[in-house]
mmCIF file of all heavy atoms, coordinates in Angstrom:
data_MODEL
# 
_entry.id   MODEL 
# 
loop_
_atom_site.group_PDB 
_atom_site.id 
_atom_site.type_symbol 
_atom_site.label_atom_id 
_atom_site.label_alt_id 
_atom_site.label_comp_id 
_atom_site.label_asym_id 
_atom_site.label_entity_id 
_atom_site.label_seq_id 
_atom_site.pdbx_PDB_ins_code 
_atom_site.Cartn_x 
_atom_site.Cartn_y 
_atom_site.Cartn_z 
_atom_site.occupancy 
_atom_site.B_iso_or_equiv 
_atom_site.pdbx_formal_charge 
_atom_site.auth_seq_id 
_atom_site.auth_comp_id 
_atom_site.auth_asym_id 
_atom_site.auth_atom_id 
_atom_site.pdbx_PDB_model_num 
ATOM 1   N N   . GLY A 1 1  ? 96.579 96.147  72.667 1.00 0.00 ? 1  GLY A N   1 
ATOM 2   C CA  . GLY A 1 1  ? 95.832 94.941  73.014 1.00 0.00 ? 1  GLY A CA  1 
ATOM 3   C C   . GLY A 1 1  ? 95.559 94.783  74.496 1.00 0.00 ? 1  GLY A C   1 
ATOM 4   O O   . GLY A 1 1  ? 94.770 93.921  74.886 1.00 0.00 ? 1  GLY A O   1 
ATOM 5   N N   . ILE A 1 2  ? 96.208 95.591  75.339 1.00 0.00 ? 2  ILE A N   1 
ATOM 6   C CA  . ILE A 1 2  ? 96.021 95.485  76.789 1.00 0.00 ? 2  ILE A CA  1 
ATOM 7   C C   . ILE A 1 2  ? 95.653 96.873  77.339 1.00 0.00 ? 2  ILE A C   1 
ATOM 8   O O   . ILE A 1 2  ? 96.427 97.493  78.052 1.00 0.00 ? 2  ILE A O   1 
ATOM 9   C CB  . ILE A 1 2  ? 97.303 94.959  77.495 1.00 0.00 ? 2  ILE A CB  1 
ATOM 10  C CG1 . ILE A 1 2  ? 97.889 93.751  76.802 1.00 0.00 ? 2  ILE A CG1 1 
ATOM 11  C CG2 . ILE A 1 2  ? 97.007 94.664  78.980 1.00 0.00 ? 2  ILE A CG2 1 
ATOM 12  C CD1 . ILE A 1 2  ? 97.012 92.512  76.830 1.00 0.00 ? 2  ILE A CD1 1 
ATOM 13  N N   . PRO A 1 3  ? 94.464 97.375  77.001 1.00 0.00 ? 3  PRO A N   1 
ATOM 14  C CA  . PRO A 1 3  ? 94.114 98.719  77.464 1.00 0.00 ? 3  PRO A CA  1 
ATOM 15  C C   . PRO A 1 3  ? 93.748 98.766  78.947 1.00 0.00 ? 3  PRO A C   1 
ATOM 16  O O   . PRO A 1 3  ? 93.186 97.815  79.487 1.00 0.00 ? 3  PRO A O   1 
ATOM 17  C CB  . PRO A 1 3  ? 92.894 99.073  76.617 1.00 0.00 ? 3  PRO A CB  1 
ATOM 18  C CG  . PRO A 1 3  ? 92.242 97.759  76.346 1.00 0.00 ? 3  PRO A CG  1 
ATOM 19  C CD  . PRO A 1 3  ? 93.387 96.778  76.205 1.00 0.00 ? 3  PRO A CD  1 
ATOM 20  N N   . VAL A 1 4  ? 94.105 99.863  79.568 1.00 0.00 ? 4  VAL A N   1 
ATOM 21  C CA  . VAL A 1 4  ? 93.643 100.191 80.913 1.00 0.00 ? 4  VAL A CA  1 
ATOM 22  C C   . VAL A 1 4  ? 93.107 101.619 80.824 1.00 0.00 ? 4  VAL A C   1 
ATOM 23  O O   . VAL A 1 4  ? 93.868 102.547 80.545 1.00 0.00 ? 4  VAL A O   1 
ATOM 24  C CB  . VAL A 1 4  ? 94.778 100.098 81.956 1.00 0.00 ? 4  VAL A CB  1 
ATOM 25  C CG1 . VAL A 1 4  ? 94.283 100.562 83.330 1.00 0.00 ? 4  VAL A CG1 1 
ATOM 26  C CG2 . VAL A 1 4  ? 95.317 98.678  82.055 1.00 0.00 ? 4  VAL A CG2 1 
ATOM 27  N N   . ALA A 1 5  ? 91.799 101.781 81.007 1.00 0.00 ? 5  ALA A N   1 
ATOM 28  C CA  . ALA A 1 5  ? 91.226 103.133 81.035 1.00 0.00 ? 5  ALA A CA  1 
ATOM 29  C C   . ALA A 1 5  ? 91.847 103.837 82.231 1.00 0.00 ? 5  ALA A C   1 
ATOM 30  O O   . ALA A 1 5  ? 91.861 103.287 83.332 1.00 0.00 ? 5  ALA A O   1 
ATOM 31  C CB  . ALA A 1 5  ? 89.716 103.055 81.175 1.00 0.00 ? 5  ALA A CB  1 
ATOM 32  N N   . THR A 1 6  ? 92.392 105.005 82.022 1.00 0.00 ? 6  THR A N   1 
ATOM 33  C CA  . THR A 1 6  ? 93.155 105.668 83.081 1.00 0.00 ? 6  THR A CA  1 
ATOM 34  C C   . THR A 1 6  ? 92.551 107.019 83.414 1.00 0.00 ? 6  THR A C   1 
ATOM 35  O O   . THR A 1 6  ? 92.274 107.811 82.520 1.00 0.00 ? 6  THR A O   1 
ATOM 36  C CB  . THR A 1 6  ? 94.627 105.831 82.643 1.00 0.00 ? 6  THR A CB  1 
ATOM 37  O OG1 . THR A 1 6  ? 95.121 104.575 82.181 1.00 0.00 ? 6  THR A OG1 1 
ATOM 38  C CG2 . THR A 1 6  ? 95.485 106.313 83.794 1.00 0.00 ? 6  THR A CG2 1 
ATOM 39  N N   . VAL A 1 7  ? 92.369 107.266 84.698 1.00 0.00 ? 7  VAL A N   1 
ATOM 40  C CA  . VAL A 1 7  ? 91.895 108.564 85.171 1.00 0.00 ? 7  VAL A CA  1 
ATOM 41  C C   . VAL A 1 7  ? 93.088 109.342 85.710 1.00 0.00 ? 7  VAL A C   1 
ATOM 42  O O   . VAL A 1 7  ? 94.208 108.844 85.731 1.00 0.00 ? 7  VAL A O   1 
ATOM 43  C CB  . VAL A 1 7  ? 90.784 108.400 86.236 1.00 0.00 ? 7  VAL A CB  1 
ATOM 44  C CG1 . VAL A 1 7  ? 89.547 107.723 85.637 1.00 0.00 ? 7  VAL A CG1 1 
ATOM 45  C CG2 . VAL A 1 7  ? 91.284 107.631 87.454 1.00 0.00 ? 7  VAL A CG2 1 
ATOM 46  N N   . GLY A 1 8  ? 92.847 110.544 86.151 1.00 0.00 ? 8  GLY A N   1 
ATOM 47  C CA  . GLY A 1 8  ? 93.924 111.390 86.658 1.00 0.00 ? 8  GLY A CA  1 
ATOM 48  C C   . GLY A 1 8  ? 94.521 110.860 87.949 1.00 0.00 ? 8  GLY A C   1 
ATOM 49  O O   . GLY A 1 8  ? 93.989 109.958 88.597 1.00 0.00 ? 8  GLY A O   1 
ATOM 50  N N   . ILE A 1 9  ? 95.627 111.457 88.316 1.00 0.00 ? 9  ILE A N   1 
ATOM 51  C CA  . ILE A 1 9  ? 96.330 111.075 89.541 1.00 0.00 ? 9  ILE A CA  1 
ATOM 52  C C   . ILE A 1 9  ? 95.410 111.301 90.744 1.00 0.00 ? 9  ILE A C   1 
ATOM 53  O O   . ILE A 1 9  ? 94.838 112.375 90.912 1.00 0.00 ? 9  ILE A O   1 
ATOM 54  C CB  . ILE A 1 9  ? 97.636 111.881 89.675 1.00 0.00 ? 9  ILE A CB  1 
ATOM 55  C CG1 . ILE A 1 9  ? 98.577 111.559 88.505 1.00 0.00 ? 9  ILE A CG1 1 
ATOM 56  C CG2 . ILE A 1 9  ? 98.324 111.606 91.023 1.00 0.00 ? 9  ILE A CG2 1 
ATOM 57  C CD1 . ILE A 1 9  ? 99.730 112.519 88.330 1.00 0.00 ? 9  ILE A CD1 1 
ATOM 58  N N   . ASN A 1 10 ? 95.238 110.258 91.545 1.00 0.00 ? 10 ASN A N   1 
ATOM 59  C CA  . ASN A 1 10 ? 94.385 110.248 92.741 1.00 0.00 ? 10 ASN A CA  1 
ATOM 60  C C   . ASN A 1 10 ? 92.902 110.485 92.418 1.00 0.00 ? 10 ASN A C   1 
ATOM 61  O O   . ASN A 1 10 ? 92.124 110.816 93.303 1.00 0.00 ? 10 ASN A O   1 
ATOM 62  C CB  . ASN A 1 10 ? 94.852 111.270 93.777 1.00 0.00 ? 10 ASN A CB  1 
ATOM 63  C CG  . ASN A 1 10 ? 96.108 110.844 94.507 1.00 0.00 ? 10 ASN A CG  1 
ATOM 64  O OD1 . ASN A 1 10 ? 96.637 109.761 94.294 1.00 0.00 ? 10 ASN A OD1 1 
ATOM 65  N ND2 . ASN A 1 10 ? 96.606 111.701 95.365 1.00 0.00 ? 10 ASN A ND2 1 
ATOM 66  N N   . ALA A 1 11 ? 92.496 110.316 91.181 1.00 0.00 ? 11 ALA A N   1 
ATOM 67  C CA  . ALA A 1 11 ? 91.120 110.620 90.760 1.00 0.00 ? 11 ALA A CA  1 
ATOM 68  C C   . ALA A 1 11 ? 90.197 109.413 90.909 1.00 0.00 ? 11 ALA A C   1 
ATOM 69  O O   . ALA A 1 11 ? 89.530 108.996 89.968 1.00 0.00 ? 11 ALA A O   1 
ATOM 70  C CB  . ALA A 1 11 ? 91.111 111.155 89.339 1.00 0.00 ? 11 ALA A CB  1 
ATOM 71  N N   . ALA A 1 12 ? 90.138 108.869 92.103 1.00 0.00 ? 12 ALA A N   1 
ATOM 72  C CA  . ALA A 1 12 ? 89.317 107.686 92.361 1.00 0.00 ? 12 ALA A CA  1 
ATOM 73  C C   . ALA A 1 12 ? 87.840 107.946 92.128 1.00 0.00 ? 12 ALA A C   1 
ATOM 74  O O   . ALA A 1 12 ? 87.109 107.054 91.679 1.00 0.00 ? 12 ALA A O   1 
ATOM 75  C CB  . ALA A 1 12 ? 89.548 107.189 93.784 1.00 0.00 ? 12 ALA A CB  1 
ATOM 76  N N   . GLN A 1 13 ? 87.375 109.161 92.420 1.00 0.00 ? 13 GLN A N   1 
ATOM 77  C CA  . GLN A 1 13 ? 85.960 109.457 92.190 1.00 0.00 ? 13 GLN A CA  1 
ATOM 78  C C   . GLN A 1 13 ? 85.630 109.328 90.707 1.00 0.00 ? 13 GLN A C   1 
ATOM 79  O O   . GLN A 1 13 ? 84.602 108.758 90.345 1.00 0.00 ? 13 GLN A O   1 
ATOM 80  C CB  . GLN A 1 13 ? 85.618 110.863 92.688 1.00 0.00 ? 13 GLN A CB  1 
ATOM 81  C CG  . GLN A 1 13 ? 84.146 111.175 92.530 1.00 0.00 ? 13 GLN A CG  1 
ATOM 82  C CD  . GLN A 1 13 ? 83.766 112.518 93.118 1.00 0.00 ? 13 GLN A CD  1 
ATOM 83  O OE1 . GLN A 1 13 ? 84.585 113.242 93.660 1.00 0.00 ? 13 GLN A OE1 1 
ATOM 84  N NE2 . GLN A 1 13 ? 82.493 112.847 93.009 1.00 0.00 ? 13 GLN A NE2 1 
ATOM 85  N N   . ASN A 1 14 ? 86.511 109.822 89.825 1.00 0.00 ? 14 ASN A N   1 
ATOM 86  C CA  . ASN A 1 14 ? 86.270 109.672 88.393 1.00 0.00 ? 14 ASN A CA  1 
ATOM 87  C C   . ASN A 1 14 ? 86.300 108.204 87.979 1.00 0.00 ? 14 ASN A C   1 
ATOM 88  O O   . ASN A 1 14 ? 85.554 107.797 87.086 1.00 0.00 ? 14 ASN A O   1 
ATOM 89  C CB  . ASN A 1 14 ? 87.276 110.479 87.573 1.00 0.00 ? 14 ASN A CB  1 
ATOM 90  C CG  . ASN A 1 14 ? 86.834 111.918 87.398 1.00 0.00 ? 14 ASN A CG  1 
ATOM 91  O OD1 . ASN A 1 14 ? 85.718 112.281 87.722 1.00 0.00 ? 14 ASN A OD1 1 
ATOM 92  N ND2 . ASN A 1 14 ? 87.720 112.733 86.873 1.00 0.00 ? 14 ASN A ND2 1 
ATOM 93  N N   . ALA A 1 15 ? 87.131 107.408 88.610 1.00 0.00 ? 15 ALA A N   1 
ATOM 94  C CA  . ALA A 1 15 ? 87.150 105.973 88.316 1.00 0.00 ? 15 ALA A CA  1 
ATOM 95  C C   . ALA A 1 15 ? 85.806 105.354 88.689 1.00 0.00 ? 15 ALA A C   1 
ATOM 96  O O   . ALA A 1 15 ? 85.262 104.526 87.948 1.00 0.00 ? 15 ALA A O   1 
ATOM 97  C CB  . ALA A 1 15 ? 88.286 105.282 89.062 1.00 0.00 ? 15 ALA A CB  1 
ATOM 98  N N   . GLY A 1 16 ? 85.260 105.764 89.824 1.00 0.00 ? 16 GLY A N   1 
ATOM 99  C CA  . GLY A 1 16 ? 83.947 105.278 90.224 1.00 0.00 ? 16 GLY A CA  1 
ATOM 100 C C   . GLY A 1 16 ? 82.867 105.690 89.241 1.00 0.00 ? 16 GLY A C   1 
ATOM 101 O O   . GLY A 1 16 ? 82.015 104.885 88.870 1.00 0.00 ? 16 GLY A O   1 
ATOM 102 N N   . ILE A 1 17 ? 82.912 106.951 88.806 1.00 0.00 ? 17 ILE A N   1 
ATOM 103 C CA  . ILE A 1 17 ? 81.926 107.429 87.826 1.00 0.00 ? 17 ILE A CA  1 
ATOM 104 C C   . ILE A 1 17 ? 82.058 106.648 86.520 1.00 0.00 ? 17 ILE A C   1 
ATOM 105 O O   . ILE A 1 17 ? 81.058 106.248 85.922 1.00 0.00 ? 17 ILE A O   1 
ATOM 106 C CB  . ILE A 1 17 ? 82.071 108.944 87.586 1.00 0.00 ? 17 ILE A CB  1 
ATOM 107 C CG1 . ILE A 1 17 ? 81.678 109.707 88.852 1.00 0.00 ? 17 ILE A CG1 1 
ATOM 108 C CG2 . ILE A 1 17 ? 81.217 109.395 86.401 1.00 0.00 ? 17 ILE A CG2 1 
ATOM 109 C CD1 . ILE A 1 17 ? 82.044 111.179 88.833 1.00 0.00 ? 17 ILE A CD1 1 
ATOM 110 N N   . LEU A 1 18 ? 83.273 106.422 86.068 1.00 0.00 ? 18 LEU A N   1 
ATOM 111 C CA  . LEU A 1 18 ? 83.483 105.662 84.831 1.00 0.00 ? 18 LEU A CA  1 
ATOM 112 C C   . LEU A 1 18 ? 82.936 104.239 84.974 1.00 0.00 ? 18 LEU A C   1 
ATOM 113 O O   . LEU A 1 18 ? 82.292 103.722 84.057 1.00 0.00 ? 18 LEU A O   1 
ATOM 114 C CB  . LEU A 1 18 ? 84.968 105.647 84.458 1.00 0.00 ? 18 LEU A CB  1 
ATOM 115 C CG  . LEU A 1 18 ? 85.344 105.029 83.126 1.00 0.00 ? 18 LEU A CG  1 
ATOM 116 C CD1 . LEU A 1 18 ? 84.572 105.641 81.969 1.00 0.00 ? 18 LEU A CD1 1 
ATOM 117 C CD2 . LEU A 1 18 ? 86.851 105.178 82.904 1.00 0.00 ? 18 LEU A CD2 1 
ATOM 118 N N   . ALA A 1 19 ? 83.139 103.628 86.128 1.00 0.00 ? 19 ALA A N   1 
ATOM 119 C CA  . ALA A 1 19 ? 82.568 102.288 86.369 1.00 0.00 ? 19 ALA A CA  1 
ATOM 120 C C   . ALA A 1 19 ? 81.044 102.335 86.292 1.00 0.00 ? 19 ALA A C   1 
ATOM 121 O O   . ALA A 1 19 ? 80.420 101.464 85.676 1.00 0.00 ? 19 ALA A O   1 
ATOM 122 C CB  . ALA A 1 19 ? 83.025 101.751 87.722 1.00 0.00 ? 19 ALA A CB  1 
ATOM 123 N N   . VAL A 1 20 ? 80.445 103.371 86.878 1.00 0.00 ? 20 VAL A N   1 
ATOM 124 C CA  . VAL A 1 20 ? 78.984 103.522 86.817 1.00 0.00 ? 20 VAL A CA  1 
ATOM 125 C C   . VAL A 1 20 ? 78.543 103.695 85.366 1.00 0.00 ? 20 VAL A C   1 
ATOM 126 O O   . VAL A 1 20 ? 77.557 103.082 84.929 1.00 0.00 ? 20 VAL A O   1 
ATOM 127 C CB  . VAL A 1 20 ? 78.507 104.709 87.688 1.00 0.00 ? 20 VAL A CB  1 
ATOM 128 C CG1 . VAL A 1 20 ? 77.020 104.982 87.464 1.00 0.00 ? 20 VAL A CG1 1 
ATOM 129 C CG2 . VAL A 1 20 ? 78.783 104.442 89.163 1.00 0.00 ? 20 VAL A CG2 1 
ATOM 130 N N   . GLN A 1 21 ? 79.261 104.494 84.586 1.00 0.00 ? 21 GLN A N   1 
ATOM 131 C CA  . GLN A 1 21 ? 78.899 104.704 83.180 1.00 0.00 ? 21 GLN A CA  1 
ATOM 132 C C   . GLN A 1 21 ? 78.958 103.393 82.392 1.00 0.00 ? 21 GLN A C   1 
ATOM 133 O O   . GLN A 1 21 ? 78.086 103.127 81.556 1.00 0.00 ? 21 GLN A O   1 
ATOM 134 C CB  . GLN A 1 21 ? 79.815 105.753 82.549 1.00 0.00 ? 21 GLN A CB  1 
ATOM 135 C CG  . GLN A 1 21 ? 79.536 107.153 83.054 1.00 0.00 ? 21 GLN A CG  1 
ATOM 136 C CD  . GLN A 1 21 ? 80.510 108.172 82.510 1.00 0.00 ? 21 GLN A CD  1 
ATOM 137 O OE1 . GLN A 1 21 ? 81.723 108.035 82.648 1.00 0.00 ? 21 GLN A OE1 1 
ATOM 138 N NE2 . GLN A 1 21 ? 79.980 109.213 81.899 1.00 0.00 ? 21 GLN A NE2 1 
ATOM 139 N N   . ILE A 1 22 ? 79.969 102.583 82.658 1.00 0.00 ? 22 ILE A N   1 
ATOM 140 C CA  . ILE A 1 22 ? 80.094 101.290 81.974 1.00 0.00 ? 22 ILE A CA  1 
ATOM 141 C C   . ILE A 1 22 ? 78.897 100.404 82.327 1.00 0.00 ? 22 ILE A C   1 
ATOM 142 O O   . ILE A 1 22 ? 78.263 99.810  81.450 1.00 0.00 ? 22 ILE A O   1 
ATOM 143 C CB  . ILE A 1 22 ? 81.428 100.601 82.334 1.00 0.00 ? 22 ILE A CB  1 
ATOM 144 C CG1 . ILE A 1 22 ? 82.602 101.368 81.704 1.00 0.00 ? 22 ILE A CG1 1 
ATOM 145 C CG2 . ILE A 1 22 ? 81.430 99.142  81.892 1.00 0.00 ? 22 ILE A CG2 1 
ATOM 146 C CD1 . ILE A 1 22 ? 83.970 100.968 82.248 1.00 0.00 ? 22 ILE A CD1 1 
ATOM 147 N N   . LEU A 1 23 ? 78.562 100.336 83.602 1.00 0.00 ? 23 LEU A N   1 
ATOM 148 C CA  . LEU A 1 23 ? 77.441 99.502  84.042 1.00 0.00 ? 23 LEU A CA  1 
ATOM 149 C C   . LEU A 1 23 ? 76.109 100.061 83.551 1.00 0.00 ? 23 LEU A C   1 
ATOM 150 O O   . LEU A 1 23 ? 75.200 99.298  83.208 1.00 0.00 ? 23 LEU A O   1 
ATOM 151 C CB  . LEU A 1 23 ? 77.433 99.391  85.568 1.00 0.00 ? 23 LEU A CB  1 
ATOM 152 C CG  . LEU A 1 23 ? 78.626 98.672  86.195 1.00 0.00 ? 23 LEU A CG  1 
ATOM 153 C CD1 . LEU A 1 23 ? 78.616 98.858  87.709 1.00 0.00 ? 23 LEU A CD1 1 
ATOM 154 C CD2 . LEU A 1 23 ? 78.635 97.196  85.818 1.00 0.00 ? 23 LEU A CD2 1 
ATOM 155 N N   . ALA A 1 24 ? 75.982 101.384 83.499 1.00 0.00 ? 24 ALA A N   1 
ATOM 156 C CA  . ALA A 1 24 ? 74.722 102.022 83.092 1.00 0.00 ? 24 ALA A CA  1 
ATOM 157 C C   . ALA A 1 24 ? 74.405 101.796 81.619 1.00 0.00 ? 24 ALA A C   1 
ATOM 158 O O   . ALA A 1 24 ? 73.246 101.906 81.216 1.00 0.00 ? 24 ALA A O   1 
ATOM 159 C CB  . ALA A 1 24 ? 74.775 103.519 83.393 1.00 0.00 ? 24 ALA A CB  1 
ATOM 160 N N   . ALA A 1 25 ? 75.387 101.438 80.826 1.00 0.00 ? 25 ALA A N   1 
ATOM 161 C CA  . ALA A 1 25 ? 75.147 101.175 79.401 1.00 0.00 ? 25 ALA A CA  1 
ATOM 162 C C   . ALA A 1 25 ? 74.176 100.020 79.201 1.00 0.00 ? 25 ALA A C   1 
ATOM 163 O O   . ALA A 1 25 ? 73.504 99.949  78.170 1.00 0.00 ? 25 ALA A O   1 
ATOM 164 C CB  . ALA A 1 25 ? 76.467 100.887 78.679 1.00 0.00 ? 25 ALA A CB  1 
ATOM 165 N N   . SER A 1 26 ? 74.068 99.138  80.188 1.00 0.00 ? 26 SER A N   1 
ATOM 166 C CA  . SER A 1 26 ? 73.150 98.000  80.064 1.00 0.00 ? 26 SER A CA  1 
ATOM 167 C C   . SER A 1 26 ? 72.171 97.916  81.238 1.00 0.00 ? 26 SER A C   1 
ATOM 168 O O   . SER A 1 26 ? 71.597 96.869  81.499 1.00 0.00 ? 26 SER A O   1 
ATOM 169 C CB  . SER A 1 26 ? 73.945 96.690  79.956 1.00 0.00 ? 26 SER A CB  1 
ATOM 170 O OG  . SER A 1 26 ? 74.727 96.507  81.121 1.00 0.00 ? 26 SER A OG  1 
ATOM 171 N N   . ASP A 1 27 ? 71.983 99.035  81.954 1.00 0.00 ? 27 ASP A N   1 
ATOM 172 C CA  . ASP A 1 27 ? 71.086 99.051  83.107 1.00 0.00 ? 27 ASP A CA  1 
ATOM 173 C C   . ASP A 1 27 ? 70.326 100.377 83.103 1.00 0.00 ? 27 ASP A C   1 
ATOM 174 O O   . ASP A 1 27 ? 70.872 101.416 83.476 1.00 0.00 ? 27 ASP A O   1 
ATOM 175 C CB  . ASP A 1 27 ? 71.904 98.890  84.386 1.00 0.00 ? 27 ASP A CB  1 
ATOM 176 C CG  . ASP A 1 27 ? 71.065 98.846  85.654 1.00 0.00 ? 27 ASP A CG  1 
ATOM 177 O OD1 . ASP A 1 27 ? 69.999 99.503  85.713 1.00 0.00 ? 27 ASP A OD1 1 
ATOM 178 O OD2 . ASP A 1 27 ? 71.498 98.192  86.614 1.00 0.00 ? 27 ASP A OD2 1 
# 
């Protein structure tokens, strides 16, 4: 019930890409 999408250790770039993918679903 409390999910956190998790990327690899120090993988901030992948976190940014995942954020873009989430936003791109409606843009």
